[in-house]
C-alpha atoms as a PDB file:
ATOM      1  CA  UNK A   1     -20.065 -33.743 -10.210  1.00  0.00           C
ATOM      2  CA  UNK A   2     -16.622 -34.461 -13.386  1.00  0.00           C
ATOM      3  CA  UNK A   3     -13.477 -35.321 -12.724  1.00  0.00           C
ATOM      4  CA  UNK A   4     -12.526 -34.481 -16.791  1.00  0.00           C
ATOM      5  CA  UNK A   5      -9.009 -34.991 -18.475  1.00  0.00           C
ATOM      6  CA  UNK A   6      -5.737 -37.405 -17.994  1.00  0.00           C
ATOM      7  CA  UNK A   7      -4.722 -36.436 -14.076  1.00  0.00           C
ATOM      8  CA  UNK A   8      -5.082 -39.169 -11.723  1.00  0.00           C
ATOM      9  CA  UNK A   9      -7.732 -38.828  -8.819  1.00  0.00           C
ATOM     10  CA  UNK A  10      -6.854 -39.482  -5.271  1.00  0.00           C
ATOM     11  CA  UNK A  11      -8.620 -40.396  -1.972  1.00  0.00           C
ATOM     12  CA  UNK A  12      -5.799 -42.566  -0.896  1.00  0.00           C
ATOM     13  CA  UNK A  13      -6.127 -42.817   2.861  1.00  0.00           C
ATOM     14  CA  UNK A  14      -9.068 -40.213   2.779  1.00  0.00           C
ATOM     15  CA  UNK A  15     -11.290 -40.837   5.947  1.00  0.00           C
ATOM     16  CA  UNK A  16     -14.750 -39.998   5.137  1.00  0.00           C
ATOM     17  CA  UNK A  17     -17.248 -38.918   8.784  1.00  0.00           C
ATOM     18  CA  UNK A  18     -20.324 -41.670   9.904  1.00  0.00           C
ATOM     19  CA  UNK A  19     -22.672 -40.412   6.580  1.00  0.00           C
ATOM     20  CA  UNK A  20     -23.252 -41.796   3.650  1.00  0.00           C
ATOM     21  CA  UNK A  21     -20.886 -41.074   0.633  1.00  0.00           C
ATOM     22  CA  UNK A  22     -22.061 -40.730  -2.765  1.00  0.00           C
ATOM     23  CA  UNK A  23     -20.513 -40.785  -6.472  1.00  0.00           C
ATOM     24  CA  UNK A  24     -23.470 -41.278  -8.148  1.00  0.00           C
ATOM     25  CA  UNK A  25     -23.561 -40.512 -12.541  1.00  0.00           C
ATOM     26  CA  UNK A  26     -20.143 -38.729 -11.136  1.00  0.00           C
ATOM     27  CA  UNK A  27     -18.014 -38.660 -14.339  1.00  0.00           C
ATOM     28  CA  UNK A  28     -14.078 -39.533 -14.422  1.00  0.00           C
ATOM     29  CA  UNK A  29     -11.155 -39.223 -17.464  1.00  0.00           C
ATOM     30  CA  UNK A  30      -8.530 -41.246 -18.651  1.00  0.00           C
ATOM     31  CA  UNK A  31      -6.692 -40.424 -15.479  1.00  0.00           C
ATOM     32  CA  UNK A  32      -6.054 -43.305 -12.403  1.00  0.00           C
ATOM     33  CA  UNK A  33      -8.760 -43.160  -9.972  1.00  0.00           C
ATOM     34  CA  UNK A  34      -7.229 -44.146  -5.986  1.00  0.00           C
ATOM     35  CA  UNK A  35      -9.416 -44.487  -2.897  1.00  0.00           C
ATOM     36  CA  UNK A  36      -6.188 -46.353  -1.230  1.00  0.00           C
ATOM     37  CA  UNK A  37      -6.122 -47.448   2.303  1.00  0.00           C
ATOM     38  CA  UNK A  38      -9.302 -45.036   2.226  1.00  0.00           C
ATOM     39  CA  UNK A  39     -11.844 -45.375   5.460  1.00  0.00           C
ATOM     40  CA  UNK A  40     -15.762 -45.150   4.611  1.00  0.00           C
ATOM     41  CA  UNK A  41     -17.645 -44.556   7.772  1.00  0.00           C
ATOM     42  CA  UNK A  42     -20.983 -46.804   8.489  1.00  0.00           C
ATOM     43  CA  UNK A  43     -23.030 -45.685   6.100  1.00  0.00           C
ATOM     44  CA  UNK A  44     -23.548 -45.764   2.445  1.00  0.00           C
ATOM     45  CA  UNK A  45     -21.267 -46.038  -0.115  1.00  0.00           C
ATOM     46  CA  UNK A  46     -22.975 -45.211  -3.919  1.00  0.00           C
ATOM     47  CA  UNK A  47     -20.988 -45.182  -7.046  1.00  0.00           C
ATOM     48  CA  UNK A  48     -23.800 -46.161  -9.067  1.00  0.00           C
ATOM     49  CA  UNK A  49     -24.337 -45.203 -12.789  1.00  0.00           C
ATOM     50  CA  UNK A  50     -21.296 -43.469 -12.341  1.00  0.00           C
ATOM     51  CA  UNK A  51     -18.403 -43.613 -15.194  1.00  0.00           C
ATOM     52  CA  UNK A  52     -15.259 -44.856 -15.344  1.00  0.00           C
ATOM     53  CA  UNK A  53     -12.470 -43.743 -17.873  1.00  0.00           C
ATOM     54  CA  UNK A  54      -9.469 -45.637 -19.317  1.00  0.00           C
ATOM     55  CA  UNK A  55      -7.037 -45.633 -16.236  1.00  0.00           C
ATOM     56  CA  UNK A  56      -6.530 -47.180 -12.962  1.00  0.00           C
ATOM     57  CA  UNK A  57      -9.070 -47.974 -10.468  1.00  0.00           C
ATOM     58  CA  UNK A  58      -7.822 -48.961  -7.307  1.00  0.00           C
ATOM     59  CA  UNK A  59      -9.818 -49.498  -3.605  1.00  0.00           C
ATOM     60  CA  UNK A  60      -7.083 -51.822  -2.460  1.00  0.00           C
ATOM     61  CA  UNK A  61      -6.626 -51.981   1.156  1.00  0.00           C
ATOM     62  CA  UNK A  62     -10.034 -49.305   1.761  1.00  0.00           C
ATOM     63  CA  UNK A  63     -12.062 -49.734   4.729  1.00  0.00           C
ATOM     64  CA  UNK A  64     -16.481 -50.130   4.540  1.00  0.00           C
ATOM     65  CA  UNK A  65     -18.041 -49.010   7.254  1.00  0.00           C
ATOM     66  CA  UNK A  66     -21.386 -51.162   7.752  1.00  0.00           C
ATOM     67  CA  UNK A  67     -23.975 -49.923   5.232  1.00  0.00           C
ATOM     68  CA  UNK A  68     -24.260 -51.102   1.764  1.00  0.00           C
ATOM     69  CA  UNK A  69     -21.503 -50.451  -1.125  1.00  0.00           C
ATOM     70  CA  UNK A  70     -23.233 -49.217  -4.247  1.00  0.00           C
ATOM     71  CA  UNK A  71     -22.137 -49.471  -7.931  1.00  0.00           C
ATOM     72  CA  UNK A  72     -24.902 -50.993  -9.779  1.00  0.00           C
ATOM     73  CA  UNK A  73     -24.739 -49.853 -13.730  1.00  0.00           C
ATOM     74  CA  UNK A  74     -21.718 -48.075 -13.348  1.00  0.00           C
ATOM     75  CA  UNK A  75     -19.888 -47.977 -16.531  1.00  0.00           C
ATOM     76  CA  UNK A  76     -15.723 -49.082 -16.352  1.00  0.00           C
ATOM     77  CA  UNK A  77     -12.767 -48.309 -19.317  1.00  0.00           C
ATOM     78  CA  UNK A  78      -9.811 -50.421 -20.194  1.00  0.00           C
ATOM     79  CA  UNK A  79      -8.164 -49.685 -16.617  1.00  0.00           C
ATOM     80  CA  UNK A  80      -7.765 -52.689 -14.323  1.00  0.00           C
ATOM     81  CA  UNK A  81     -10.361 -52.392 -11.656  1.00  0.00           C
ATOM     82  CA  UNK A  82      -9.075 -53.827  -7.778  1.00  0.00           C
ATOM     83  CA  UNK A  83     -10.079 -53.914  -4.440  1.00  0.00           C
ATOM     84  CA  UNK A  84      -8.019 -56.372  -2.916  1.00  0.00           C
ATOM     85  CA  UNK A  85      -7.302 -56.448   0.493  1.00  0.00           C
ATOM     86  CA  UNK A  86     -10.147 -54.610   1.429  1.00  0.00           C
ATOM     87  CA  UNK A  87     -12.291 -54.322   4.315  1.00  0.00           C
ATOM     88  CA  UNK A  88     -15.815 -54.828   4.887  1.00  0.00           C
ATOM     89  CA  UNK A  89     -18.385 -54.004   7.499  1.00  0.00           C
ATOM     90  CA  UNK A  90     -22.295 -55.636   8.214  1.00  0.00           C
ATOM     91  CA  UNK A  91     -23.501 -54.832   4.414  1.00  0.00           C
ATOM     92  CA  UNK A  92     -23.544 -55.229   1.173  1.00  0.00           C
ATOM     93  CA  UNK A  93     -21.704 -55.045  -2.358  1.00  0.00           C
ATOM     94  CA  UNK A  94     -23.589 -54.551  -5.562  1.00  0.00           C
ATOM     95  CA  UNK A  95     -21.846 -54.678  -8.893  1.00  0.00           C
ATOM     96  CA  UNK A  96     -24.733 -55.470 -10.502  1.00  0.00           C
ATOM     97  CA  UNK A  97     -25.947 -54.167 -14.693  1.00  0.00           C
ATOM     98  CA  UNK A  98     -21.923 -53.147 -14.712  1.00  0.00           C
ATOM     99  CA  UNK A  99     -19.332 -52.835 -17.863  1.00  0.00           C
ATOM    100  CA  UNK A 100     -16.260 -53.711 -17.194  1.00  0.00           C
ATOM    101  CA  UNK A 101     -13.660 -53.311 -19.663  1.00  0.00           C
ATOM    102  CA  UNK A 102     -10.644 -54.344 -17.556  1.00  0.00           C
ATOM    103  CA  UNK A 103      -8.955 -56.478 -15.219  1.00  0.00           C
ATOM    104  CA  UNK A 104     -11.620 -57.244 -12.450  1.00  0.00           C
ATOM    105  CA  UNK A 105      -9.882 -58.640  -9.107  1.00  0.00           C
ATOM    106  CA  UNK A 106     -11.891 -58.487  -5.581  1.00  0.00           C
ATOM    107  CA  UNK A 107      -8.763 -61.143  -4.816  1.00  0.00           C
ATOM    108  CA  UNK A 108      -7.995 -61.604  -0.604  1.00  0.00           C
ATOM    109  CA  UNK A 109     -11.375 -59.080   0.668  1.00  0.00           C
ATOM    110  CA  UNK A 110     -10.550 -59.221   4.438  1.00  0.00           C
ATOM    111  CA  UNK A 111     -13.811 -59.819   6.206  1.00  0.00           C
ATOM    112  CA  UNK A 112     -15.278 -60.843   3.599  1.00  0.00           C
ATOM    113  CA  UNK A 113     -17.141 -62.906   5.427  1.00  0.00           C
ATOM    114  CA  UNK A 114     -18.951 -59.437   7.159  1.00  0.00           C
ATOM    115  CA  UNK A 115     -20.933 -58.878   3.547  1.00  0.00           C
ATOM    116  CA  UNK A 116     -24.577 -60.685   3.467  1.00  0.00           C
ATOM    117  CA  UNK A 117     -24.786 -59.854  -0.391  1.00  0.00           C
ATOM    118  CA  UNK A 118     -22.397 -59.910  -3.379  1.00  0.00           C
ATOM    119  CA  UNK A 119     -23.750 -59.194  -6.754  1.00  0.00           C
ATOM    120  CA  UNK A 120     -22.493 -59.061 -10.224  1.00  0.00           C
ATOM    121  CA  UNK A 121     -25.038 -60.216 -11.915  1.00  0.00           C
ATOM    122  CA  UNK A 122     -26.609 -58.857 -15.125  1.00  0.00           C
ATOM    123  CA  UNK A 123     -22.648 -57.436 -15.626  1.00  0.00           C
ATOM    124  CA  UNK A 124     -20.797 -57.849 -17.959  1.00  0.00           C
ATOM    125  CA  UNK A 125     -16.943 -58.668 -18.417  1.00  0.00           C
ATOM    126  CA  UNK A 126     -14.483 -57.672 -20.939  1.00  0.00           C
ATOM    127  CA  UNK A 127     -11.326 -59.321 -20.079  1.00  0.00           C
ATOM    128  CA  UNK A 128     -10.286 -61.985 -16.159  1.00  0.00           C
ATOM    129  CA  UNK A 129     -12.153 -61.647 -13.168  1.00  0.00           C
ATOM    130  CA  UNK A 130     -10.423 -62.663 -10.243  1.00  0.00           C
ATOM    131  CA  UNK A 131     -12.840 -63.759  -6.275  1.00  0.00           C
ATOM    132  CA  UNK A 132      -9.775 -66.189  -5.744  1.00  0.00           C
ATOM    133  CA  UNK A 133      -9.051 -66.354  -1.829  1.00  0.00           C
ATOM    134  CA  UNK A 134     -12.181 -65.392  -0.335  1.00  0.00           C
ATOM    135  CA  UNK A 135     -14.906 -66.992   2.578  1.00  0.00           C
ATOM    136  CA  UNK A 136     -18.190 -65.027   1.830  1.00  0.00           C
ATOM    137  CA  UNK A 137     -21.235 -65.900   4.492  1.00  0.00           C
ATOM    138  CA  UNK A 138     -23.462 -65.261   1.220  1.00  0.00           C
ATOM    139  CA  UNK A 139     -23.591 -66.513  -1.914  1.00  0.00           C
ATOM    140  CA  UNK A 140     -21.731 -65.052  -4.765  1.00  0.00           C
ATOM    141  CA  UNK A 141     -24.287 -64.195  -7.272  1.00  0.00           C
ATOM    142  CA  UNK A 142     -22.628 -64.524 -10.588  1.00  0.00           C
ATOM    143  CA  UNK A 143     -25.903 -65.205 -12.509  1.00  0.00           C
ATOM    144  CA  UNK A 144     -26.650 -63.959 -16.189  1.00  0.00           C
ATOM    145  CA  UNK A 145     -22.626 -62.058 -16.616  1.00  0.00           C
ATOM    146  CA  UNK A 146     -21.167 -61.982 -20.257  1.00  0.00           C
ATOM    147  CA  UNK A 147     -18.035 -63.617 -19.162  1.00  0.00           C
ATOM    148  CA  UNK A 148     -15.415 -63.494 -22.086  1.00  0.00           C
ATOM    149  CA  UNK A 149     -11.856 -64.689 -20.108  1.00  0.00           C
ATOM    150  CA  UNK A 150     -11.540 -67.132 -17.402  1.00  0.00           C
ATOM    151  CA  UNK A 151     -13.061 -66.449 -13.624  1.00  0.00           C
ATOM    152  CA  UNK A 152     -10.306 -67.535 -10.984  1.00  0.00           C
ATOM    153  CA  UNK A 153     -12.260 -68.787  -7.988  1.00  0.00           C
ATOM    154  CA  UNK A 154      -9.054 -70.423  -6.740  1.00  0.00           C
ATOM    155  CA  UNK A 155      -9.682 -71.254  -2.449  1.00  0.00           C
ATOM    156  CA  UNK A 156     -13.263 -69.177  -2.772  1.00  0.00           C
ATOM    157  CA  UNK A 157     -15.383 -71.527  -0.268  1.00  0.00           C
ATOM    158  CA  UNK A 158     -18.347 -70.791   1.106  1.00  0.00           C
ATOM    159  CA  UNK A 159     -18.479 -70.314   5.114  1.00  0.00           C
ATOM    160  CA  UNK A 160     -19.582 -73.436   7.219  1.00  0.00           C
ATOM    161  CA  UNK A 161     -22.677 -70.645   9.088  1.00  0.00           C
ATOM    162  CA  UNK A 162     -24.366 -70.015   6.138  1.00  0.00           C
ATOM    163  CA  UNK A 163     -26.801 -69.551   5.952  1.00  0.00           C
ATOM    164  CA  UNK A 164     -26.972 -67.797   9.094  1.00  0.00           C
ATOM    165  CA  UNK A 165     -30.394 -67.797  10.417  1.00  0.00           C
ATOM    166  CA  UNK A 166     -30.210 -72.227   8.979  1.00  0.00           C
ATOM    167  CA  UNK A 167     -32.746 -70.949   6.162  1.00  0.00           C
ATOM    168  CA  UNK A 168     -31.373 -70.545   2.252  1.00  0.00           C
ATOM    169  CA  UNK A 169     -32.687 -68.213  -0.407  1.00  0.00           C
ATOM    170  CA  UNK A 170     -34.450 -68.707  -2.475  1.00  0.00           C
ATOM    171  CA  UNK A 171     -32.387 -68.068  -4.636  1.00  0.00           C
ATOM    172  CA  UNK A 172     -29.201 -69.981  -3.412  1.00  0.00           C
ATOM    173  CA  UNK A 173     -29.234 -72.644  -5.915  1.00  0.00           C
ATOM    174  CA  UNK A 174     -29.399 -70.380  -8.877  1.00  0.00           C
ATOM    175  CA  UNK A 175     -26.478 -69.080  -8.262  1.00  0.00           C
ATOM    176  CA  UNK A 176     -24.822 -71.730  -7.085  1.00  0.00           C
ATOM    177  CA  UNK A 177     -25.801 -73.738 -10.276  1.00  0.00           C
ATOM    178  CA  UNK A 178     -23.569 -70.098 -12.120  1.00  0.00           C
ATOM    179  CA  UNK A 179     -20.921 -70.582  -9.483  1.00  0.00           C
ATOM    180  CA  UNK A 180     -20.753 -74.429  -9.945  1.00  0.00           C
ATOM    181  CA  UNK A 181     -20.766 -74.226 -13.739  1.00  0.00           C
ATOM    182  CA  UNK A 182     -17.216 -71.813 -13.314  1.00  0.00           C
ATOM    183  CA  UNK A 183     -15.889 -73.990 -11.437  1.00  0.00           C
ATOM    184  CA  UNK A 184     -16.148 -76.736 -13.658  1.00  0.00           C
ATOM    185  CA  UNK A 185     -14.851 -74.846 -16.729  1.00  0.00           C
ATOM    186  CA  UNK A 186     -11.498 -74.314 -14.653  1.00  0.00           C
ATOM    187  CA  UNK A 187     -11.198 -77.990 -13.782  1.00  0.00           C
ATOM    188  CA  UNK A 188     -11.935 -77.137  -9.984  1.00  0.00           C
ATOM    189  CA  UNK A 189     -13.463 -80.740  -9.383  1.00  0.00           C
ATOM    190  CA  UNK A 190     -13.396 -80.767  -6.143  1.00  0.00           C
ATOM    191  CA  UNK A 191     -14.971 -77.219  -5.542  1.00  0.00           C
ATOM    192  CA  UNK A 192     -17.640 -77.937  -7.971  1.00  0.00           C
ATOM    193  CA  UNK A 193     -18.506 -81.026  -6.031  1.00  0.00           C
ATOM    194  CA  UNK A 194     -18.263 -78.985  -2.632  1.00  0.00           C
ATOM    195  CA  UNK A 195     -20.284 -76.171  -4.964  1.00  0.00           C
ATOM    196  CA  UNK A 196     -22.796 -79.333  -5.610  1.00  0.00           C
ATOM    197  CA  UNK A 197     -23.071 -80.444  -1.886  1.00  0.00           C
ATOM    198  CA  UNK A 198     -24.218 -76.259  -0.994  1.00  0.00           C
ATOM    199  CA  UNK A 199     -26.755 -76.265  -3.888  1.00  0.00           C
ATOM    200  CA  UNK A 200     -28.125 -80.133  -2.915  1.00  0.00           C
ATOM    201  CA  UNK A 201     -29.179 -78.526   0.576  1.00  0.00           C
ATOM    202  CA  UNK A 202     -30.466 -75.408  -0.936  1.00  0.00           C
ATOM    203  CA  UNK A 203     -32.476 -77.395  -3.042  1.00  0.00           C
ATOM    204  CA  UNK A 204     -34.569 -79.341  -0.401  1.00  0.00           C
ATOM    205  CA  UNK A 205     -37.024 -76.842   0.369  1.00  0.00           C
ATOM    206  CA  UNK A 206     -38.627 -77.343  -2.961  1.00  0.00           C
ATOM    207  CA  UNK A 207     -38.960 -80.756  -2.722  1.00  0.00           C
ATOM    208  CA  UNK A 208     -42.422 -82.130  -3.339  1.00  0.00           C
ATOM    209  CA  UNK A 209     -42.980 -83.651   0.018  1.00  0.00           C
ATOM    210  CA  UNK A 210     -41.602 -84.424   3.347  1.00  0.00           C
ATOM    211  CA  UNK A 211     -40.269 -87.849   2.854  1.00  0.00           C
ATOM    212  CA  UNK A 212     -38.083 -86.622   0.225  1.00  0.00           C
ATOM    213  CA  UNK A 213     -37.094 -83.969   2.210  1.00  0.00           C
ATOM    214  CA  UNK A 214     -36.044 -86.279   5.151  1.00  0.00           C
ATOM    215  CA  UNK A 215     -35.193 -89.066   2.375  1.00  0.00           C
ATOM    216  CA  UNK A 216     -32.791 -86.069   0.619  1.00  0.00           C
ATOM    217  CA  UNK A 217     -31.297 -84.640   4.211  1.00  0.00           C
ATOM    218  CA  UNK A 218     -30.526 -88.853   5.412  1.00  0.00           C
ATOM    219  CA  UNK A 219     -28.571 -89.242   1.944  1.00  0.00           C
ATOM    220  CA  UNK A 220     -26.789 -85.520   2.793  1.00  0.00           C
ATOM    221  CA  UNK A 221     -25.797 -87.421   6.564  1.00  0.00           C
ATOM    222  CA  UNK A 222     -24.795 -90.641   5.671  1.00  0.00           C
ATOM    223  CA  UNK A 223     -22.864 -90.054   2.187  1.00  0.00           C
ATOM    224  CA  UNK A 224     -22.683 -86.504   1.971  1.00  0.00           C
ATOM    225  CA  UNK A 225     -24.247 -86.472  -1.492  1.00  0.00           C
ATOM    226  CA  UNK A 226     -22.332 -89.791  -2.672  1.00  0.00           C
ATOM    227  CA  UNK A 227     -18.848 -87.608  -2.051  1.00  0.00           C
ATOM    228  CA  UNK A 228     -17.624 -89.322   0.936  1.00  0.00           C
ATOM    229  CA  UNK A 229     -16.733 -93.359   1.071  1.00  0.00           C
ATOM    230  CA  UNK A 230     -15.539 -93.399   5.165  1.00  0.00           C
ATOM    231  CA  UNK A 231     -18.765 -92.135   6.452  1.00  0.00           C
ATOM    232  CA  UNK A 232     -21.011 -95.171   4.914  1.00  0.00           C
ATOM    233  CA  UNK A 233     -18.617 -97.309   5.637  1.00  0.00           C
ATOM    234  CA  UNK A 234     -18.502 -95.919   9.216  1.00  0.00           C
ATOM    235  CA  UNK A 235     -22.326 -96.072   9.191  1.00  0.00           C
ATOM    236  CA  UNK A 236     -22.326 -99.646   7.930  1.00  0.00           C
ATOM    237  CA  UNK A 237     -19.675-100.911  10.474  1.00  0.00           C
ATOM    238  CA  UNK A 238     -21.832 -99.821  13.232  1.00  0.00           C
ATOM    239  CA  UNK A 239     -24.872-101.762  11.855  1.00  0.00           C
ATOM    240  CA  UNK A 240     -22.466-104.689  11.800  1.00  0.00           C
ATOM    241  CA  UNK A 241     -21.839-104.231  15.428  1.00  0.00           C
ATOM    242  CA  UNK A 242     -25.761-104.030  16.448  1.00  0.00           C
ATOM    243  CA  UNK A 243     -26.793-107.031  14.699  1.00  0.00           C
ATOM    244  CA  UNK A 244     -23.878-109.168  15.780  1.00  0.00           C
ATOM    245  CA  UNK A 245     -24.741-107.869  19.676  1.00  0.00           C
ATOM    246  CA  UNK A 246     -28.138-108.775  18.739  1.00  0.00           C
ATOM    247  CA  UNK A 247     -27.801-112.159  17.282  1.00  0.00           C
ATOM    248  CA  UNK A 248     -25.341-112.686  20.339  1.00  0.00           C
ATOM    249  CA  UNK A 249     -27.363-111.465  22.716  1.00  0.00           C
ATOM    250  CA  UNK A 250     -30.137-113.670  20.977  1.00  0.00           C
ATOM    251  CA  UNK A 251     -28.422-116.820  20.519  1.00  0.00           C
ATOM    252  CA  UNK A 252     -27.545-117.028  24.586  1.00  0.00           C
ATOM    253  CA  UNK A 253     -31.080-116.443  25.913  1.00  0.00           C
ATOM    254  CA  UNK A 254     -31.737-119.582  23.612  1.00  0.00           C
ATOM    255  CA  UNK A 255     -29.391-122.105  24.748  1.00  0.00           C
ATOM    256  CA  UNK A 256     -30.030-120.605  28.267  1.00  0.00           C
ATOM    257  CA  UNK A 257     -31.205-123.620  29.753  1.00  0.00           C
END
């Protein structure tokens, strides 16, 4: 399909049924493209290899059902792309191998915890990227991305429930390392430390033996990989009380006639 020219294309508050919605390889002109508060059903939503012009593209407030949302190999012009307040069901959000020439915002997405995958892998950004104010139950994938300007990660967190099945994905360490690098570049050092802790947990299974794994786990529990001062002091206090009690008990036994 082609929507050429400079006129706007609006799907504002449109409702799609319980089926897949496909805009694969669609070509949009330079007008604004709006999916504001559009409701998608439980099927997949696909914009793979879609080409957007230089107009403003918005999915603000859009509601996606359970299913995959795919924009793989899509190209966006100089206009901004926004998913502010977009709501997602149980599924994935895939923007791999994309080209973005304008500002891109995934700020304050609703129910981002339901996403099992959020990937921007191998994509290029000519302007800034904003994924702030989100809590994810997956590790956002920004590996192998070309970033020209700042990436905003303010108040972006990984859910305490991750990983949901107890085992980290083998690529989580790489993804976390990339996020940590971006946080350090933004001088968000506390966020970088928090990501480092999760990275160490993700890399634990790659340690060569059970002894090292248990030692690593003990370091995490006792000192949160060196982040916590109060935890070691608390355990030191417990040990001091324990040995004081043992010493006092032995002294009483030795002096009993």
